[in-house]
Amino acid sequence: MTIARRSILKGTSAAGAALVAAGSTAAAQPAAAQPADDAPTSPLLQTTPHRAGTAGVSGLHLQFGTDAGTEMTVSWLTPQSVRRPQVRYGSPDGGLGRVVQAETRTYRDSIDKVEVYVHHARLTGLRPGTTYLYSAGHDGATPETGTFTTAPRGRAPFTFTSFGDQGAPNLRRKLTFPDGMPSPLGRFPVYTSTQIGASASADIVAAVERVGPLFNLINGDLCYASYSGRHGMSRTATWADWFISNSRSTRLRPWMPCAGNHEGEGGNGPIGALGYQAYFSLPDSSASSDEETRGMWYAFTVGSVRFISLANDDEAIQNSGDIYLRGYSGGAQRRWLERELRSARGNRAIDWIVVCMHHPMISSSMNGAGSDLGLREAWGPLFDAYGVDLVVCGHEHYYERSHPVRGTLPNDTRTPVPSETRTDLIDTGRGTVHMIIGAGGSTATTQDDLFEQPKGRVVIGLEDQQPGMPYRESIWLTEDAPWAAVQDRTHTHGFAAFEVDPGDQRGGTTTMKVTYYTFDGPHGDLTPVDTFTLYRRRTDGRDG
């Protein structure tokens, strides 16, 4: 399994191309990997023709392991079973001197009856803060290549990005027109997206690559495959479109997901997560080791930041998925979260706690999903007690951020209380900043449907099920919103970049500069929309 020159030169960033041309010395020697007996000495000069009838390597993507500094998982999709799926990897200088066999996960979608195979090669024993070159493939297929950089150890600067609600851009649905209404293309058929993805669903990939983060957080509702299934289209094709389009970035840096309401697919397991769990191999969580909940919540550390990914359907009141899931973990996720938060806040090596989840606890939307009382009651007290710094969400298809909040008003909506109202420089030691970053590509944008005054709607309950309706309608209360800080009422799509600066003094200040960008066109041209800085005291200087 050697590397095709054309494979290296397509789809890699300038950084990846520079790595390939770097020269040749010794490769890293992880204990779990075995030496390749036929490792190529010069990857650029090798070629392996693709065998006719063999599934190709598609949807190449990366995920951090439980230890983001020493573990990385390389994953790809095939529509059929393959022989010897494996990854070769090494240092840019030394070539692909190690090989790891991949584990294959599979599921059969309950609607389109298509079986999908996803191959996960777990690379261990890596060096923190180190860049690696790799090649993924299986017998008879031309390998696909990429690079990745492991997380740094200790207090080190890095950048990550975040957005939710992307969708897939590919056109598969043939439009029909009423009798007497001609097709705008005459005798040629007209096609549209398989779900609610737009051109922005593809453009945001190039936009993320403009920033070149260490990794990206995806705040739920990844491709809307469940939406496709409800409208007679293929869920597995929608997933494949999403992975293949995003592979321009996901082969170079991890995209770490959280499960949104549209990741739950009716008929695909007891909580609808068979697809999600097959496509991703996420950091281990002792509380979600049960097969039913595997990978639904997890945590990992990069530098001095602890990242926690939650599955909000477990606590949200709103009924907005194929399956109504509230309470499915029996409290296991909440207990796990409290243990995670207590451990992080007790660790002097951790300065920041960042939570990624889908449904928001703050929202200025007039007619959208709004905030959710279930989350405010379940997560809010824990975020306050353990000083969570930042929460990034999606679900609402626009951009908004709150003032730092701590505690709630004693009213029916548990309205969060701002601890300060400055919007450019924010001390997260005094409160948690919530961000809705749900404009990742969906056509159903809502930036022009926000309250003019600081107000919001909160889901407090559900109506009785109505015949023929897929969901139970929400019961909302409108609240004053003293927590409301900044909304983007103009731009349809965007994402946020976070530049972590640990500072250089023990017990001093660490900062996180945040920029929300809108983007335009297939080259991902960026325009800053909102810029601010979070700061807090480093934990290595506290008493005790």
Protein backbone atom coordinates (compact mmCIF):
# COMPACT_ATOMS: atom_id res chain seq x y z
CA MET A 1 0.00 0.00 0.00
CA THR A 2 2.15 2.84 -1.29
CA ILE A 3 1.21 6.47 -1.84
CA ALA A 4 0.09 7.87 -5.15
CA ARG A 5 1.69 11.18 -6.08
CA ARG A 6 -1.64 12.55 -7.25
CA SER A 7 -3.17 11.60 -3.91
CA ILE A 8 -0.64 13.64 -1.95
CA LEU A 9 -1.02 16.68 -4.16
CA LYS A 10 -4.80 16.83 -4.02
CA GLY A 11 -6.73 17.99 -0.99
CA THR A 12 -3.80 18.90 1.25
CA SER A 13 -3.14 22.38 2.55
CA ALA A 14 0.00 24.37 1.86
CA ALA A 15 1.24 23.18 5.22
CA GLY A 16 0.67 19.56 4.23
CA ALA A 17 2.45 20.01 0.89
CA ALA A 18 5.41 21.59 2.63
CA LEU A 19 5.59 18.62 4.99
CA VAL A 20 5.72 16.14 2.15
CA ALA A 21 8.68 17.95 0.63
CA ALA A 22 10.59 18.13 3.91
CA GLY A 23 13.25 15.42 3.38
CA SER A 24 13.93 12.12 5.19
CA THR A 25 15.22 11.18 8.64
CA ALA A 26 13.88 8.87 11.37
CA ALA A 27 10.15 8.52 12.11
CA ALA A 28 8.45 8.49 15.53
CA GLN A 29 8.28 5.03 17.14
CA PRO A 30 4.90 4.51 18.87
CA ALA A 31 4.86 1.30 20.87
CA ALA A 32 1.50 0.09 19.54
CA ALA A 33 2.43 0.30 15.86
CA GLN A 34 4.49 -2.23 13.90
CA PRO A 35 7.19 -1.33 11.34
CA ALA A 36 6.05 -1.46 7.73
CA ASP A 37 8.05 -4.06 5.85
CA ASP A 38 7.66 -2.25 2.53
CA ALA A 39 7.56 1.40 3.60
CA PRO A 40 8.19 3.70 0.61
CA THR A 41 11.40 5.68 0.75
CA SER A 42 10.02 8.55 -1.32
CA PRO A 43 6.20 8.88 -1.12
CA LEU A 44 6.00 11.35 -4.00
CA LEU A 45 7.47 8.86 -6.45
CA GLN A 46 5.25 5.90 -5.54
CA THR A 47 1.97 4.97 -7.22
CA THR A 48 -0.58 2.19 -6.77
CA PRO A 49 -3.28 1.87 -9.45
CA HIS A 50 -6.83 1.52 -8.16
CA ARG A 51 -8.21 -1.98 -8.73
CA ALA A 52 -11.47 -1.97 -10.72
CA GLY A 53 -14.47 -2.88 -8.56
CA THR A 54 -12.75 -2.00 -5.27
CA ALA A 55 -14.32 0.67 -3.08
CA GLY A 56 -12.19 3.80 -2.85
CA VAL A 57 -11.12 5.69 0.27
CA SER A 58 -13.68 8.44 0.85
CA GLY A 59 -14.68 10.83 3.61
CA LEU A 60 -11.25 10.77 5.28
CA HIS A 61 -11.55 12.37 8.74
CA LEU A 62 -9.68 12.69 12.03
CA GLN A 63 -10.65 12.59 15.71
CA PHE A 64 -8.55 13.14 18.82
CA GLY A 65 -8.19 10.15 21.11
CA THR A 66 -8.78 10.22 24.86
CA ASP A 67 -5.31 11.78 25.23
CA ALA A 68 -5.29 14.41 22.48
CA GLY A 69 -1.54 14.84 22.79
CA THR A 70 -0.62 11.22 22.05
CA GLU A 71 -3.63 9.66 20.26
CA MET A 72 -5.31 10.32 16.90
CA THR A 73 -7.91 8.26 15.04
CA VAL A 74 -7.91 8.22 11.22
CA SER A 75 -11.28 7.22 9.73
CA TRP A 76 -12.83 6.70 6.28
CA LEU A 77 -15.97 5.31 4.64
CA THR A 78 -16.63 2.55 2.12
CA PRO A 79 -19.97 1.30 0.72
CA GLN A 80 -18.85 -2.32 0.99
CA SER A 81 -16.58 -4.55 3.01
CA VAL A 82 -12.85 -4.25 2.24
CA ARG A 83 -9.72 -6.23 3.07
CA ARG A 84 -6.92 -5.02 5.34
CA PRO A 85 -7.95 -1.41 6.05
CA GLN A 86 -4.87 0.24 7.52
CA VAL A 87 -3.00 3.49 8.05
CA ARG A 88 0.69 4.10 7.49
CA TYR A 89 2.18 7.10 9.23
CA GLY A 90 5.40 8.75 10.32
CA SER A 91 7.19 12.04 10.60
CA PRO A 92 7.31 14.36 7.59
CA ASP A 93 11.08 13.84 7.53
CA GLY A 94 11.09 10.07 7.82
CA GLY A 95 8.21 8.92 5.64
CA LEU A 96 5.51 6.38 6.48
CA GLY A 97 7.45 3.98 8.65
CA ARG A 98 4.67 2.66 10.90
CA VAL A 99 1.44 0.79 10.13
CA VAL A 100 -1.76 0.36 12.19
CA GLN A 101 -4.66 -1.91 11.26
CA ALA A 102 -8.10 -0.29 11.33
CA GLU A 103 -11.20 -1.47 13.19
CA THR A 104 -14.33 -1.56 11.01
CA ARG A 105 -17.75 -0.51 12.28
CA THR A 106 -20.88 -1.07 10.24
CA TYR A 107 -24.62 -0.42 10.37
CA ARG A 108 -27.55 -0.79 8.00
CA ASP A 109 -29.85 2.22 7.73
CA SER A 110 -33.44 1.34 8.62
CA ILE A 111 -34.96 3.43 5.80
CA ASP A 112 -32.76 3.13 2.72
CA LYS A 113 -31.46 -0.34 3.78
CA VAL A 114 -27.91 0.62 2.75
CA GLU A 115 -25.06 -0.88 4.77
CA VAL A 116 -22.15 1.44 5.53
CA TYR A 117 -18.61 0.48 6.55
CA VAL A 118 -16.46 2.92 8.52
CA HIS A 119 -12.81 2.15 9.24
CA HIS A 120 -11.05 3.61 12.29
CA ALA A 121 -7.29 3.32 12.80
CA ARG A 122 -6.28 4.43 16.30
CA LEU A 123 -2.75 5.82 16.38
CA THR A 124 -1.18 5.84 19.87
CA GLY A 125 2.17 6.67 21.38
CA LEU A 126 2.42 9.92 19.42
CA ARG A 127 4.42 12.94 20.55
CA PRO A 128 2.48 15.98 21.81
CA GLY A 129 2.58 19.07 19.62
CA THR A 130 4.01 17.12 16.68
CA THR A 131 3.01 17.00 13.01
CA TYR A 132 2.63 13.62 11.28
CA LEU A 133 2.12 12.48 7.70
CA TYR A 134 -0.23 9.53 7.07
CA SER A 135 -1.79 7.43 4.32
CA ALA A 136 -5.10 5.52 4.68
CA GLY A 137 -6.21 2.67 2.46
CA HIS A 138 -7.14 -0.96 1.95
CA ASP A 139 -6.38 -3.73 -0.52
CA GLY A 140 -6.98 -2.71 -4.11
CA ALA A 141 -7.62 0.99 -3.42
CA THR A 142 -5.45 4.01 -4.09
CA PRO A 143 -4.46 5.35 -0.64
CA GLU A 144 -5.49 8.84 0.45
CA THR A 145 -3.06 11.00 2.40
CA GLY A 146 -3.14 13.79 4.95
CA THR A 147 -1.32 15.36 7.84
CA PHE A 148 -2.27 16.15 11.42
CA THR A 149 -0.77 17.82 14.48
CA THR A 150 -1.27 16.40 17.97
CA ALA A 151 -2.36 18.60 20.85
CA PRO A 152 0.34 20.41 22.82
CA ARG A 153 1.14 19.56 26.42
CA GLY A 154 1.04 22.18 29.15
CA ARG A 155 0.31 25.86 28.69
CA ALA A 156 0.80 26.42 24.98
CA PRO A 157 -0.93 28.72 22.48
CA PHE A 158 -3.28 27.23 19.88
CA THR A 159 -6.34 28.12 17.81
CA PHE A 160 -9.62 26.24 17.43
CA THR A 161 -12.79 27.03 15.49
CA SER A 162 -16.46 26.27 16.07
CA PHE A 163 -19.82 26.26 14.29
CA GLY A 164 -22.96 24.14 14.04
CA ASP A 165 -25.85 23.35 11.68
CA GLN A 166 -23.88 22.83 8.48
CA GLY A 167 -25.75 20.51 6.13
CA ALA A 168 -24.38 18.84 3.01
CA PRO A 169 -24.16 20.75 -0.30
CA ASN A 170 -24.45 17.98 -2.87
CA LEU A 171 -27.38 17.99 -5.34
CA ARG A 172 -29.28 14.69 -5.52
CA ARG A 173 -32.99 15.49 -5.40
CA LYS A 174 -34.75 15.84 -8.75
CA LEU A 175 -37.34 18.61 -8.68
CA THR A 176 -40.74 18.14 -10.27
CA PHE A 177 -43.01 20.96 -11.45
CA PRO A 178 -46.81 21.17 -11.53
CA ASP A 179 -48.57 20.46 -14.82
CA GLY A 180 -48.31 23.44 -17.10
CA MET A 181 -45.26 24.88 -15.31
CA PRO A 182 -42.13 24.29 -17.42
CA SER A 183 -38.73 23.50 -15.98
CA PRO A 184 -36.51 26.58 -16.03
CA LEU A 185 -33.94 24.44 -17.85
CA GLY A 186 -36.35 23.20 -20.51
CA ARG A 187 -35.93 19.49 -21.19
CA PHE A 188 -33.11 19.16 -18.63
CA PRO A 189 -33.96 18.12 -15.03
CA VAL A 190 -33.41 20.45 -12.07
CA TYR A 191 -31.78 19.19 -8.90
CA THR A 192 -31.58 20.55 -5.36
CA SER A 193 -29.82 19.54 -2.14
CA THR A 194 -30.82 16.30 -0.46
CA GLN A 195 -31.78 18.33 2.62
CA ILE A 196 -31.37 21.94 3.81
CA GLY A 197 -27.70 22.38 2.94
CA ALA A 198 -26.59 25.34 0.81
CA SER A 199 -23.49 26.43 -1.07
CA ALA A 200 -22.33 27.81 2.28
CA SER A 201 -22.21 24.20 3.55
CA ALA A 202 -19.27 23.68 1.21
CA ASP A 203 -17.78 27.18 1.40
CA ILE A 204 -17.35 27.01 5.18
CA VAL A 205 -14.81 24.21 4.72
CA ALA A 206 -12.52 26.52 2.74
CA ALA A 207 -13.20 29.28 5.30
CA VAL A 208 -12.04 27.09 8.19
CA GLU A 209 -8.91 26.25 6.22
CA ARG A 210 -8.21 29.98 5.88
CA VAL A 211 -7.78 30.05 9.66
CA GLY A 212 -6.00 26.69 9.80
CA PRO A 213 -6.99 25.77 13.40
CA LEU A 214 -5.57 22.89 15.38
CA PHE A 215 -9.12 21.45 15.41
CA ASN A 216 -12.76 22.38 14.85
CA LEU A 217 -15.78 21.90 17.15
CA ILE A 218 -19.04 21.01 15.36
CA ASN A 219 -21.96 22.14 17.52
CA GLY A 220 -24.50 19.54 16.38
CA ASP A 221 -26.84 19.05 13.39
CA LEU A 222 -23.96 18.02 11.17
CA CYS A 223 -25.57 16.94 7.88
CA TYR A 224 -29.33 16.69 8.62
CA ALA A 225 -29.52 13.07 7.50
CA SER A 226 -32.63 12.57 9.65
CA TYR A 227 -34.31 15.36 7.68
CA SER A 228 -33.43 13.57 4.45
CA GLY A 229 -35.02 10.37 5.73
CA ARG A 230 -38.28 12.11 6.58
CA HIS A 231 -38.47 13.49 3.04
CA GLY A 232 -37.92 10.24 1.16
CA MET A 233 -34.21 10.69 0.48
CA SER A 234 -31.20 8.59 1.44
CA ARG A 235 -29.78 9.19 4.91
CA THR A 236 -26.57 7.30 4.13
CA ALA A 237 -26.01 9.35 0.94
CA THR A 238 -26.42 12.56 2.94
CA TRP A 239 -23.82 11.41 5.46
CA ALA A 240 -21.45 10.45 2.64
CA ASP A 241 -21.91 13.84 0.95
CA TRP A 242 -21.07 15.58 4.21
CA PHE A 243 -17.91 13.60 4.90
CA ILE A 244 -16.65 13.78 1.31
CA SER A 245 -17.16 17.56 1.08
CA ASN A 246 -15.57 18.20 4.47
CA SER A 247 -12.59 15.93 3.84
CA ARG A 248 -10.70 18.90 2.40
CA SER A 249 -10.32 19.94 6.05
CA THR A 250 -11.08 16.84 8.14
CA ARG A 251 -8.09 14.93 6.69
CA LEU A 252 -5.83 17.67 8.09
CA ARG A 253 -7.35 18.45 11.49
CA PRO A 254 -9.93 16.82 13.80
CA TRP A 255 -13.52 17.97 13.57
CA MET A 256 -14.87 17.07 17.03
CA PRO A 257 -18.68 16.76 17.03
CA CYS A 258 -21.49 16.92 19.51
CA ALA A 259 -24.81 15.20 18.82
CA GLY A 260 -27.68 17.48 17.80
CA ASN A 261 -31.36 16.66 17.45
CA HIS A 262 -30.87 15.76 13.76
CA GLU A 263 -28.22 13.15 14.59
CA GLY A 264 -31.00 11.02 16.07
CA GLU A 265 -32.36 8.86 13.23
CA GLY A 266 -35.58 6.92 13.74
CA GLY A 267 -35.09 3.16 13.44
CA ASN A 268 -31.30 3.30 13.79
CA GLY A 269 -31.01 1.92 17.30
CA PRO A 270 -32.85 2.73 20.54
CA ILE A 271 -31.70 6.38 20.55
CA GLY A 272 -31.22 6.71 16.79
CA ALA A 273 -27.46 6.99 17.11
CA LEU A 274 -26.17 3.95 15.18
CA GLY A 275 -24.99 6.12 12.28
CA TYR A 276 -23.36 8.78 14.45
CA GLN A 277 -21.62 6.13 16.54
CA ALA A 278 -20.37 4.27 13.46
CA TYR A 279 -18.99 7.35 11.68
CA PHE A 280 -17.05 8.73 14.68
CA SER A 281 -14.56 7.14 17.06
CA LEU A 282 -14.52 9.61 19.95
CA PRO A 283 -12.58 9.84 23.23
CA ASP A 284 -13.59 7.25 25.80
CA SER A 285 -16.02 8.23 28.55
CA SER A 286 -16.42 5.87 31.47
CA ALA A 287 -20.04 6.99 31.87
CA SER A 288 -20.89 6.32 28.22
CA SER A 289 -19.11 2.98 27.85
CA ASP A 290 -22.50 1.30 27.37
CA GLU A 291 -22.95 0.51 23.66
CA GLU A 292 -26.24 2.41 23.56
CA THR A 293 -24.63 5.70 24.65
CA ARG A 294 -21.06 5.20 23.40
CA GLY A 295 -19.55 8.49 22.21
CA MET A 296 -22.61 10.60 23.01
CA TRP A 297 -20.64 12.64 25.54
CA TYR A 298 -16.89 12.87 26.03
CA ALA A 299 -14.04 15.20 27.03
CA PHE A 300 -10.45 15.92 26.00
CA THR A 301 -7.70 18.36 26.96
CA VAL A 302 -5.64 20.60 24.68
CA GLY A 303 -2.95 22.65 26.39
CA SER A 304 -4.59 24.17 29.48
CA VAL A 305 -8.16 23.92 28.13
CA ARG A 306 -10.60 21.13 29.01
CA PHE A 307 -13.22 20.58 26.31
CA ILE A 308 -16.48 18.82 27.19
CA SER A 309 -19.00 17.68 24.56
CA LEU A 310 -22.60 17.05 25.69
CA ALA A 311 -25.67 15.37 24.18
CA ASN A 312 -28.43 17.87 24.98
CA ASP A 313 -31.39 15.77 23.86
CA ASP A 314 -30.92 13.92 27.15
CA GLU A 315 -32.01 17.01 29.13
CA ALA A 316 -33.79 19.34 26.67
CA ILE A 317 -37.58 19.65 26.93
CA GLN A 318 -38.04 20.50 23.27
CA ASN A 319 -39.28 17.74 20.96
CA SER A 320 -37.36 18.29 17.71
CA GLY A 321 -35.84 14.95 16.65
CA ASP A 322 -36.99 11.70 15.06
CA ILE A 323 -37.16 10.24 18.58
CA TYR A 324 -38.05 12.08 21.80
CA LEU A 325 -35.07 11.27 24.00
CA ARG A 326 -35.32 13.37 27.16
CA GLY A 327 -34.00 11.39 30.12
CA TYR A 328 -32.56 8.52 28.06
CA SER A 329 -29.34 8.29 30.13
CA GLY A 330 -31.21 8.06 33.44
CA GLY A 331 -29.04 10.85 34.85
CA ALA A 332 -25.75 9.17 33.89
CA GLN A 333 -24.63 12.05 31.68
CA ARG A 334 -25.36 14.64 34.39
CA ARG A 335 -23.41 12.66 36.99
CA TRP A 336 -20.51 12.26 34.53
CA LEU A 337 -20.55 15.99 33.78
CA GLU A 338 -20.31 16.94 37.43
CA ARG A 339 -17.37 14.58 37.94
CA GLU A 340 -15.66 16.07 34.86
CA LEU A 341 -16.21 19.64 36.00
CA ARG A 342 -15.06 18.93 39.55
CA SER A 343 -11.91 17.24 38.25
CA ALA A 344 -11.12 20.04 35.81
CA ARG A 345 -11.57 22.79 38.37
CA GLY A 346 -9.40 20.87 40.83
CA ASN A 347 -6.57 20.52 38.31
CA ARG A 348 -3.98 23.30 38.41
CA ALA A 349 -2.94 22.48 34.85
CA ILE A 350 -6.43 23.43 33.57
CA ASP A 351 -7.25 27.13 33.19
CA TRP A 352 -10.28 27.04 30.88
CA ILE A 353 -13.39 24.87 30.66
CA VAL A 354 -15.21 24.98 27.30
CA VAL A 355 -18.50 23.13 26.76
CA CYS A 356 -19.78 22.22 23.28
CA MET A 357 -23.50 21.34 23.04
CA HIS A 358 -26.34 21.80 20.54
CA HIS A 359 -29.47 23.37 22.06
CA PRO A 360 -28.83 26.82 23.61
CA MET A 361 -29.59 28.17 27.08
CA ILE A 362 -29.90 31.72 25.69
CA SER A 363 -31.64 32.85 22.50
CA SER A 364 -33.13 36.10 21.16
CA SER A 365 -35.07 34.27 18.42
CA MET A 366 -38.71 35.38 18.07
CA ASN A 367 -40.08 32.34 16.23
CA GLY A 368 -37.31 29.74 16.40
CA ALA A 369 -36.53 27.07 18.96
CA GLY A 370 -35.58 29.53 21.71
CA SER A 371 -33.89 28.68 25.01
CA ASP A 372 -34.69 25.49 26.90
CA LEU A 373 -35.69 25.41 30.56
CA GLY A 374 -34.61 21.77 30.86
CA LEU A 375 -31.01 22.71 30.07
CA ARG A 376 -31.07 25.73 32.36
CA GLU A 377 -32.20 23.50 35.23
CA ALA A 378 -29.87 20.56 34.48
CA TRP A 379 -26.65 22.20 33.26
CA GLY A 380 -26.91 25.77 34.60
CA PRO A 381 -26.20 25.06 38.29
CA LEU A 382 -23.20 22.90 37.33
CA PHE A 383 -21.78 25.55 35.00
CA ASP A 384 -22.11 28.10 37.84
CA ALA A 385 -20.73 25.85 40.59
CA TYR A 386 -17.59 24.90 38.66
CA GLY A 387 -16.98 28.12 36.76
CA VAL A 388 -17.43 27.01 33.15
CA ASP A 389 -15.86 29.74 31.00
CA LEU A 390 -17.48 29.28 27.61
CA VAL A 391 -20.40 27.36 26.09
CA VAL A 392 -20.68 27.06 22.28
CA CYS A 393 -24.00 25.95 20.78
CA GLY A 394 -25.96 25.74 17.55
CA HIS A 395 -29.61 24.82 16.91
CA GLU A 396 -30.62 28.43 16.17
CA HIS A 397 -29.34 29.41 12.71
CA TYR A 398 -27.71 32.74 13.48
CA TYR A 399 -24.95 34.20 15.69
CA GLU A 400 -25.39 35.53 19.22
CA ARG A 401 -23.41 35.79 22.43
CA SER A 402 -24.34 36.55 26.01
CA HIS A 403 -22.80 38.65 28.72
CA PRO A 404 -21.02 36.49 31.31
CA VAL A 405 -23.78 35.00 33.47
CA ARG A 406 -23.82 33.51 36.95
CA GLY A 407 -26.97 32.45 38.79
CA THR A 408 -30.61 32.88 37.75
CA LEU A 409 -33.65 34.98 38.61
CA PRO A 410 -36.30 33.21 40.74
CA ASN A 411 -38.84 33.17 37.92
CA ASP A 412 -40.53 30.51 35.78
CA THR A 413 -37.82 30.61 33.09
CA ARG A 414 -34.75 30.68 35.39
CA THR A 415 -33.42 33.71 33.52
CA PRO A 416 -29.59 33.84 33.68
CA VAL A 417 -28.18 36.90 35.45
CA PRO A 418 -25.28 38.86 33.89
CA SER A 419 -22.27 39.44 36.13
CA GLU A 420 -20.99 42.34 34.00
CA THR A 421 -22.03 44.05 30.76
CA ARG A 422 -18.77 45.02 29.07
CA THR A 423 -18.70 43.41 25.61
CA ASP A 424 -15.06 43.80 24.47
CA LEU A 425 -13.06 42.43 27.42
CA ILE A 426 -14.75 39.78 29.58
CA ASP A 427 -13.65 38.12 32.81
CA THR A 428 -14.95 34.55 32.66
CA GLY A 429 -13.88 34.06 36.26
CA ARG A 430 -17.06 35.99 37.05
CA GLY A 431 -19.44 34.19 34.72
CA THR A 432 -20.01 31.92 31.73
CA VAL A 433 -20.25 33.32 28.20
CA HIS A 434 -22.74 31.50 25.96
CA MET A 435 -22.41 31.63 22.16
CA ILE A 436 -24.90 30.49 19.51
CA ILE A 437 -22.84 29.69 16.39
CA GLY A 438 -25.50 27.94 14.31
CA ALA A 439 -24.97 29.56 10.89
CA GLY A 440 -22.66 26.88 9.49
CA GLY A 441 -24.43 26.31 6.18
CA SER A 442 -28.15 25.67 6.61
CA THR A 443 -30.48 27.46 4.18
CA ALA A 444 -32.98 28.11 6.99
CA THR A 445 -31.14 31.10 8.46
CA THR A 446 -32.90 33.23 11.09
CA GLN A 447 -30.70 36.32 11.59
CA ASP A 448 -33.65 38.52 10.58
CA ASP A 449 -36.07 36.94 13.09
CA LEU A 450 -34.75 38.28 16.42
CA PHE A 451 -36.41 40.41 19.09
CA GLU A 452 -35.51 44.08 18.67
CA GLN A 453 -35.52 44.60 22.44
CA PRO A 454 -33.59 42.33 24.84
CA LYS A 455 -36.10 39.51 25.04
CA GLY A 456 -36.18 35.78 24.45
CA ARG A 457 -38.48 32.77 24.41
CA VAL A 458 -37.97 29.75 26.64
CA VAL A 459 -39.40 26.25 26.13
CA ILE A 460 -41.03 25.28 29.44
CA GLY A 461 -43.19 22.32 28.35
CA LEU A 462 -44.86 20.46 25.46
CA GLU A 463 -48.36 20.38 24.03
CA ASP A 464 -50.18 17.07 23.66
CA GLN A 465 -49.35 15.10 20.51
CA GLN A 466 -51.54 16.11 17.56
CA PRO A 467 -52.59 13.53 14.92
CA GLY A 468 -50.33 13.56 11.86
CA MET A 469 -47.70 15.81 13.47
CA PRO A 470 -44.12 14.49 13.81
CA TYR A 471 -43.41 16.51 16.98
CA ARG A 472 -45.16 17.73 20.07
CA GLU A 473 -45.31 21.52 19.88
CA SER A 474 -43.39 23.54 22.47
CA ILE A 475 -44.93 25.73 25.14
CA TRP A 476 -42.96 28.97 25.42
CA LEU A 477 -42.73 31.84 27.86
CA THR A 478 -41.28 35.19 26.78
CA GLU A 479 -38.71 36.68 29.13
CA ASP A 480 -36.74 39.89 29.42
CA ALA A 481 -33.15 39.10 28.44
CA PRO A 482 -30.62 41.01 30.56
CA TRP A 483 -28.08 38.39 29.42
CA ALA A 484 -28.28 39.50 25.74
CA ALA A 485 -25.02 41.09 24.53
CA VAL A 486 -24.35 40.87 20.77
CA GLN A 487 -26.30 39.46 17.80
CA ASP A 488 -25.42 39.37 14.10
CA ARG A 489 -28.64 40.48 12.40
CA THR A 490 -27.09 40.83 8.94
CA HIS A 491 -24.99 37.89 7.80
CA THR A 492 -26.48 34.53 6.89
CA HIS A 493 -23.49 32.30 7.67
CA GLY A 494 -20.35 32.28 9.79
CA PHE A 495 -18.07 30.56 12.29
CA ALA A 496 -15.93 31.57 15.26
CA ALA A 497 -12.16 31.29 15.79
CA PHE A 498 -10.62 31.18 19.27
CA GLU A 499 -6.96 32.04 19.84
CA VAL A 500 -5.79 30.72 23.21
CA ASP A 501 -2.84 32.56 24.78
CA PRO A 502 -1.79 30.95 28.08
CA GLY A 503 0.30 33.96 29.17
CA ASP A 504 3.85 33.78 30.40
CA GLN A 505 3.58 34.29 34.17
CA ARG A 506 2.61 31.80 36.85
CA GLY A 507 -0.67 32.93 38.36
CA GLY A 508 -0.98 35.64 35.70
CA THR A 509 -3.67 36.20 33.10
CA THR A 510 -4.56 33.86 30.26
CA THR A 511 -6.64 35.11 27.34
CA MET A 512 -8.80 33.79 24.52
CA LYS A 513 -9.27 36.17 21.59
CA VAL A 514 -12.52 35.41 19.76
CA THR A 515 -13.42 36.45 16.21
CA TYR A 516 -16.71 35.62 14.54
CA TYR A 517 -16.27 35.59 10.76
CA THR A 518 -18.71 35.58 7.90
CA PHE A 519 -17.41 34.06 4.67
CA ASP A 520 -18.11 34.27 0.98
CA GLY A 521 -17.54 32.08 -2.07
CA PRO A 522 -15.78 28.77 -2.72
CA HIS A 523 -12.43 30.19 -1.57
CA GLY A 524 -13.85 31.06 1.86
CA ASP A 525 -13.03 34.78 1.84
CA LEU A 526 -13.31 35.97 5.46
CA THR A 527 -14.81 39.14 6.96
CA PRO A 528 -14.65 39.73 10.75
CA VAL A 529 -18.06 40.52 12.25
CA ASP A 530 -17.52 40.39 16.03
CA THR A 531 -14.25 40.45 17.97
CA PHE A 532 -13.77 40.30 21.74
CA THR A 533 -11.39 38.87 24.33
CA LEU A 534 -12.09 36.51 27.22
CA TYR A 535 -9.65 36.42 30.11
CA ARG A 536 -9.20 34.76 33.48
CA ARG A 537 -6.51 34.15 36.08
CA ARG A 538 -4.28 31.14 35.54
CA THR A 539 -4.92 28.36 38.05
CA ASP A 540 -1.23 27.57 38.65
CA GLY A 541 -0.91 30.57 40.97
CA ARG A 542 -3.85 29.96 43.29
CA ASP A 543 -3.42 29.31 46.98
CA GLY A 544 -3.78 25.92 48.62
